[in-house]
Protein backbone atom coordinates (compact mmCIF):
# COMPACT_ATOMS: atom_id res chain seq x y z
CA UNK A 1 17.96 81.81 -56.10
CA UNK A 2 16.20 84.02 -58.42
CA UNK A 3 15.99 87.56 -57.57
CA UNK A 4 12.72 89.18 -58.27
CA UNK A 5 13.09 92.57 -59.76
CA UNK A 6 10.64 95.10 -58.35
CA UNK A 7 8.89 97.13 -60.94
CA UNK A 8 10.42 100.52 -61.42
CA UNK A 9 8.17 103.46 -62.18
CA UNK A 10 9.52 106.59 -63.82
CA UNK A 11 7.83 109.99 -63.32
CA UNK A 12 7.73 112.36 -66.23
CA UNK A 13 8.05 115.98 -65.17
CA UNK A 14 5.58 118.13 -67.05
CA UNK A 15 6.82 121.63 -67.79
CA UNK A 16 4.32 124.21 -68.94
CA UNK A 17 5.61 126.15 -71.87
CA UNK A 18 4.26 129.48 -72.97
CA UNK A 19 1.88 129.44 -75.87
CA UNK A 20 3.71 129.58 -79.15
CA UNK A 21 2.34 131.06 -82.36
CA UNK A 22 3.75 129.98 -85.70
CA UNK A 23 4.14 132.12 -88.72
CA UNK A 24 5.76 131.55 -92.09
CA UNK A 25 8.33 133.74 -93.75
CA UNK A 26 10.06 133.46 -97.09
CA UNK A 27 13.83 133.15 -97.28
CA UNK A 28 15.85 134.87 -100.01
CA UNK A 29 16.16 131.47 -101.79
CA UNK A 30 12.40 131.22 -102.04
CA UNK A 31 11.92 128.54 -99.34
CA UNK A 32 9.56 129.05 -96.47
CA UNK A 33 10.55 128.75 -92.85
CA UNK A 34 8.58 128.76 -89.60
CA UNK A 35 8.86 131.63 -87.14
CA UNK A 36 7.88 130.93 -83.56
CA UNK A 37 6.71 133.87 -81.47
CA UNK A 38 6.08 133.48 -77.79
CA UNK A 39 2.95 135.26 -76.50
CA UNK A 40 3.45 137.31 -73.37
CA UNK A 41 1.06 136.45 -70.55
CA UNK A 42 -1.67 139.11 -70.12
CA UNK A 43 -1.86 141.08 -66.86
CA UNK A 44 -4.77 140.98 -64.47
CA UNK A 45 -7.95 142.51 -65.93
CA UNK A 46 -8.95 146.00 -64.79
CA UNK A 47 -11.98 146.22 -62.56
CA UNK A 48 -14.78 148.69 -63.24
CA UNK A 49 -13.89 150.61 -60.07
CA UNK A 50 -10.27 150.94 -61.19
CA UNK A 51 -11.28 152.21 -64.63
CA UNK A 52 -13.60 154.83 -63.13
CA UNK A 53 -10.93 155.88 -60.63
CA UNK A 54 -8.29 156.34 -63.35
CA UNK A 55 -10.73 158.34 -65.48
CA UNK A 56 -11.61 160.56 -62.51
CA UNK A 57 -7.94 161.23 -61.72
CA UNK A 58 -7.20 162.21 -65.34
CA UNK A 59 -10.26 164.48 -65.40
CA UNK A 60 -9.23 166.23 -62.19
CA UNK A 61 -5.68 166.75 -63.43
CA UNK A 62 -6.88 168.21 -66.73
CA UNK A 63 -9.36 170.47 -64.93
CA UNK A 64 -6.69 171.77 -62.56
CA UNK A 65 -4.32 172.37 -65.46
CA UNK A 66 -6.99 174.24 -67.38
CA UNK A 67 -8.01 176.42 -64.41
CA UNK A 68 -4.37 177.20 -63.62
CA UNK A 69 -3.03 178.02 -67.08
CA UNK A 70 -5.87 178.29 -69.63
CA UNK A 71 -9.27 179.55 -68.43
CA UNK A 72 -11.00 180.68 -65.26
CA UNK A 73 -14.65 181.31 -64.44
CA UNK A 74 -15.56 184.57 -62.65
CA UNK A 75 -18.82 186.25 -61.61
CA UNK A 76 -19.48 189.98 -62.02
CA UNK A 77 -21.03 191.43 -58.82
CA UNK A 78 -20.91 195.18 -59.57
CA UNK A 79 -22.23 197.55 -62.21
CA UNK A 80 -19.01 199.35 -63.14
CA UNK A 81 -18.98 197.75 -66.63
CA UNK A 82 -22.70 198.13 -67.48
CA UNK A 83 -24.03 197.66 -70.14
CA UNK A 84 -21.01 195.93 -71.66
CA UNK A 85 -21.06 193.46 -68.78
CA UNK A 86 -24.15 193.26 -66.57
CA UNK A 87 -24.46 192.32 -62.91
CA UNK A 88 -25.01 188.57 -62.72
CA UNK A 89 -22.89 187.73 -65.75
CA UNK A 90 -20.61 184.73 -65.35
CA UNK A 91 -17.54 185.04 -67.55
CA UNK A 92 -14.85 182.76 -68.86
CA UNK A 93 -11.43 184.41 -68.67
CA UNK A 94 -8.61 183.56 -71.07
CA UNK A 95 -5.53 183.26 -68.82
CA UNK A 96 -3.22 181.91 -71.50
CA UNK A 97 -3.31 184.91 -73.84
CA UNK A 98 -1.41 187.18 -71.41
CA UNK A 99 0.81 184.46 -69.96
CA UNK A 100 4.08 185.97 -68.68
CA UNK A 101 7.36 185.22 -70.40
CA UNK A 102 8.35 185.10 -74.07
CA UNK A 103 5.60 184.74 -76.66
CA UNK A 104 5.69 182.17 -79.47
CA UNK A 105 4.31 182.86 -82.97
CA UNK A 106 2.33 179.60 -83.14
CA UNK A 107 0.58 180.11 -79.78
CA UNK A 108 -2.36 182.50 -79.11
CA UNK A 109 -0.33 184.82 -76.88
CA UNK A 110 0.10 188.58 -77.06
CA UNK A 111 0.69 191.69 -74.99
CA UNK A 112 -2.14 193.64 -73.36
CA UNK A 113 -3.63 196.24 -75.70
CA UNK A 114 -5.58 199.42 -75.18
CA UNK A 115 -9.29 198.59 -75.18
CA UNK A 116 -8.88 195.06 -73.77
CA UNK A 117 -11.26 194.09 -70.97
CA UNK A 118 -9.10 192.44 -68.33
CA UNK A 119 -9.71 190.63 -65.06
CA UNK A 120 -7.21 191.37 -62.29
CA UNK A 121 -6.68 191.25 -58.56
CA UNK A 122 -7.79 194.52 -56.95
CA UNK A 123 -4.59 196.36 -55.93
CA UNK A 124 -6.17 198.31 -53.07
CA UNK A 125 -6.94 201.98 -52.49
CA UNK A 126 -4.35 203.89 -50.44
CA UNK A 127 -6.79 206.82 -50.20
CA UNK A 128 -9.67 204.80 -48.68
CA UNK A 129 -8.34 201.93 -46.63
CA UNK A 130 -11.59 201.63 -44.66
CA UNK A 131 -13.45 200.66 -47.83
CA UNK A 132 -10.85 197.98 -48.52
CA UNK A 133 -12.03 196.18 -45.38
CA UNK A 134 -15.32 195.32 -47.09
CA UNK A 135 -15.68 191.73 -48.22
CA UNK A 136 -16.14 192.80 -51.84
CA UNK A 137 -13.02 194.99 -51.88
CA UNK A 138 -10.27 193.00 -50.21
CA UNK A 139 -6.98 193.91 -51.94
CA UNK A 140 -5.08 191.18 -53.79
CA UNK A 141 -7.98 188.76 -53.27
CA UNK A 142 -11.10 190.12 -54.99
CA UNK A 143 -11.22 190.02 -58.80
CA UNK A 144 -12.05 193.23 -60.69
CA UNK A 145 -12.94 193.61 -64.36
CA UNK A 146 -12.22 196.87 -66.23
CA UNK A 147 -11.19 198.17 -69.64
CA UNK A 148 -7.56 199.06 -70.37
CA UNK A 149 -7.18 202.76 -71.18
CA UNK A 150 -3.49 203.52 -70.64
CA UNK A 151 -0.45 201.36 -71.36
CA UNK A 152 2.99 201.60 -69.69
CA UNK A 153 4.55 204.99 -70.46
CA UNK A 154 1.27 206.60 -71.63
CA UNK A 155 0.04 209.93 -70.33
CA UNK A 156 -3.69 209.84 -69.46
CA UNK A 157 -5.98 212.75 -68.65
CA UNK A 158 -9.76 212.85 -68.20
CA UNK A 159 -11.43 216.09 -69.29
CA UNK A 160 -15.19 215.99 -68.80
CA UNK A 161 -16.54 213.12 -70.89
CA UNK A 162 -13.38 212.77 -72.96
CA UNK A 163 -10.32 210.69 -72.14
CA UNK A 164 -7.04 211.87 -73.63
CA UNK A 165 -4.07 209.54 -74.10
CA UNK A 166 -0.79 211.21 -75.04
CA UNK A 167 -2.73 214.35 -75.92
CA UNK A 168 -5.25 212.71 -78.28
CA UNK A 169 -8.90 211.89 -77.40
CA UNK A 170 -9.85 208.23 -77.34
CA UNK A 171 -12.44 207.24 -79.97
CA UNK A 172 -15.26 206.18 -77.62
CA UNK A 173 -18.97 205.96 -78.43
CA UNK A 174 -20.79 207.97 -75.73
CA UNK A 175 -24.26 206.86 -74.63
CA UNK A 176 -26.50 208.83 -72.22
CA UNK A 177 -28.38 206.83 -69.58
CA UNK A 178 -30.99 207.63 -66.93
CA UNK A 179 -28.94 208.39 -63.83
CA UNK A 180 -31.92 208.06 -61.49
CA UNK A 181 -32.55 204.47 -62.54
CA UNK A 182 -28.85 203.62 -62.31
CA UNK A 183 -28.54 205.01 -58.78
CA UNK A 184 -31.85 203.52 -57.63
CA UNK A 185 -31.06 199.94 -58.64
CA UNK A 186 -27.41 199.34 -59.42
CA UNK A 187 -27.99 195.68 -60.31
CA UNK A 188 -30.30 196.54 -63.21
CA UNK A 189 -28.98 197.27 -66.73
CA UNK A 190 -28.64 200.93 -67.62
CA UNK A 191 -31.62 202.58 -69.29
CA UNK A 192 -30.44 204.27 -72.49
CA UNK A 193 -31.81 207.76 -73.10
CA UNK A 194 -29.78 208.97 -76.10
CA UNK A 195 -26.54 208.26 -77.89
CA UNK A 196 -24.22 210.10 -80.19
CA UNK A 197 -23.88 208.93 -83.81
CA UNK A 198 -21.32 206.15 -83.93
CA UNK A 199 -18.14 206.98 -85.82
CA UNK A 200 -16.18 204.34 -87.74
CA UNK A 201 -13.25 204.64 -85.34
CA UNK A 202 -15.41 204.16 -82.20
CA UNK A 203 -14.38 200.74 -80.89
CA UNK A 204 -16.61 200.40 -77.83
CA UNK A 205 -19.46 202.04 -75.87
CA UNK A 206 -19.17 204.11 -72.70
CA UNK A 207 -22.11 205.29 -70.59
CA UNK A 208 -22.63 208.62 -68.79
CA UNK A 209 -25.59 210.02 -66.86
CA UNK A 210 -27.77 212.12 -69.14
CA UNK A 211 -27.38 215.22 -66.94
CA UNK A 212 -23.62 215.07 -67.40
CA UNK A 213 -23.96 214.61 -71.17
CA UNK A 214 -26.29 217.63 -71.30
CA UNK A 215 -23.86 219.73 -69.25
CA UNK A 216 -21.00 218.81 -71.58
CA UNK A 217 -23.00 219.85 -74.64
CA UNK A 218 -23.88 223.17 -72.99
CA UNK A 219 -20.23 223.89 -72.31
CA UNK A 220 -20.53 223.61 -68.54
CA UNK A 221 -17.51 222.24 -66.72
CA UNK A 222 -18.04 218.94 -64.94
CA UNK A 223 -16.53 218.42 -61.51
CA UNK A 224 -14.97 214.97 -61.10
CA UNK A 225 -15.90 212.77 -58.17
CA UNK A 226 -14.08 213.61 -54.92
CA UNK A 227 -13.01 209.95 -54.87
CA UNK A 228 -10.86 210.48 -57.98
CA UNK A 229 -7.16 211.17 -57.50
CA UNK A 230 -5.49 210.29 -60.81
CA UNK A 231 -5.70 211.86 -64.30
CA UNK A 232 -8.30 214.47 -63.23
CA UNK A 233 -8.41 218.17 -62.32
CA UNK A 234 -5.90 219.09 -65.00
CA UNK A 235 -3.26 216.70 -63.66
CA UNK A 236 -2.32 214.10 -66.29
CA UNK A 237 -1.14 210.74 -65.02
CA UNK A 238 1.99 209.06 -66.39
CA UNK A 239 1.60 205.26 -66.35
CA UNK A 240 4.56 203.50 -64.68
CA UNK A 241 6.40 200.61 -66.29
CA UNK A 242 4.65 197.23 -66.12
CA UNK A 243 1.38 198.91 -65.07
CA UNK A 244 -1.95 199.82 -66.67
CA UNK A 245 -4.62 202.50 -66.30
CA UNK A 246 -8.11 200.97 -66.33
CA UNK A 247 -11.64 202.38 -66.29
CA UNK A 248 -15.17 201.00 -66.16
CA UNK A 249 -17.54 201.54 -69.09
CA UNK A 250 -20.18 202.86 -66.66
CA UNK A 251 -18.12 206.01 -66.23
CA UNK A 252 -20.25 207.76 -63.60
CA UNK A 253 -20.51 204.63 -61.46
CA UNK A 254 -17.03 203.15 -61.47
CA UNK A 255 -14.23 203.34 -58.93
CA UNK A 256 -11.21 202.56 -61.06
CA UNK A 257 -7.70 203.85 -61.78
CA UNK A 258 -9.03 207.40 -61.38
CA UNK A 259 -9.59 206.56 -57.70
CA UNK A 260 -6.94 204.05 -56.63
CA UNK A 261 -4.22 204.17 -59.29
CA UNK A 262 -2.60 201.62 -61.57
CA UNK A 263 -2.83 197.87 -62.06
CA UNK A 264 0.56 196.12 -61.85
CA UNK A 265 1.19 193.57 -64.60
CA UNK A 266 1.59 190.69 -62.16
CA UNK A 267 -1.98 191.22 -60.85
CA UNK A 268 -3.54 190.68 -64.29
CA UNK A 269 -5.32 187.31 -64.51
CA UNK A 270 -6.42 187.37 -68.14
CA UNK A 271 -8.80 188.72 -70.77
CA UNK A 272 -12.57 188.39 -70.43
CA UNK A 273 -13.79 186.21 -73.33
CA UNK A 274 -17.54 185.57 -73.21
CA UNK A 275 -20.60 185.14 -70.97
CA UNK A 276 -21.28 181.46 -70.35
CA UNK A 277 -24.27 182.16 -68.05
CA UNK A 278 -26.14 185.25 -66.89
CA UNK A 279 -28.64 185.52 -64.04
CA UNK A 280 -30.94 188.49 -63.40
CA UNK A 281 -30.35 189.32 -59.73
CA UNK A 282 -33.06 192.00 -59.73
CA UNK A 283 -35.79 189.32 -59.80
CA UNK A 284 -36.90 187.29 -56.75
CA UNK A 285 -36.13 183.61 -56.33
CA UNK A 286 -39.07 181.71 -54.88
CA UNK A 287 -38.89 178.29 -56.55
CA UNK A 288 -36.54 176.20 -58.69
CA UNK A 289 -38.51 177.33 -61.74
CA UNK A 290 -37.20 180.86 -61.16
CA UNK A 291 -33.73 179.60 -61.98
CA UNK A 292 -34.83 179.17 -65.59
CA UNK A 293 -37.08 182.22 -65.82
CA UNK A 294 -34.47 184.54 -64.26
CA UNK A 295 -31.65 183.29 -66.48
CA UNK A 296 -30.81 185.73 -69.26
CA UNK A 297 -30.68 183.18 -72.06
CA UNK A 298 -30.05 185.87 -74.69
CA UNK A 299 -26.70 186.72 -73.06
CA UNK A 300 -25.42 183.14 -73.03
CA UNK A 301 -22.44 182.90 -75.34
CA UNK A 302 -22.17 186.70 -75.75
CA UNK A 303 -18.62 187.77 -76.55
CA UNK A 304 -17.16 190.49 -74.31
CA UNK A 305 -15.70 193.37 -76.30
């Protein structure tokens, strides 16, 4: 009896192999050989939302790094540095230049120098604690901007319109301004009345009321403000270690180290660099157009020195 053989079917298992690229190379004997390189499978494509999210995260991180270690934007609300810095100026502050710790020759770092305009946290006034309760004068919170006059170890004394450091007068260019205008509207720039001839060694301008300049020229003794407690009335001030004596350029309208003392080094934020925007706060704001008309375009980009 014949046995019928049932047909047998065989299944071939198909195995997917990664794509292979061939390349030719030359052996030392001059013959060519094939090189097979397996291509790695590509990952899932990035979506538009993911790309925007990653870009936003990187931008935020860079901005936080810059604001923490490199630059900071501050607004000037008071007239103590007129006309060097006017009310309504918005400044960029270089925080890196005075960074604490060792300095490196290849980096733009250095120590604070006499004449630098610095931004710092207001240290408070032990002689007028009521004033320190004002919103614009909260110690260790509000930013002040002044010019460095005395360095650690210096002896500073103010005699009339002259400032003496270690017994020698500072080379300052004195300008007389209308005191009535300055007291009537402290947000307006000072109105210059007269100025002394500038000497080659004069590094910066300082402003005094014209009546005080006239009294100095006539040999009359000027009485310092009753708010002043340091470096006045024939009592020189010796600057402690790691501290600085600072004054405003608007000398008759500035509460500074003469009133509340010294600025500790750890309260210094950085050096004022330039004005990136300036707005005239003496003019009214009635419409969005006033934003452009009240902007002091001529001060944009002005270096602070």
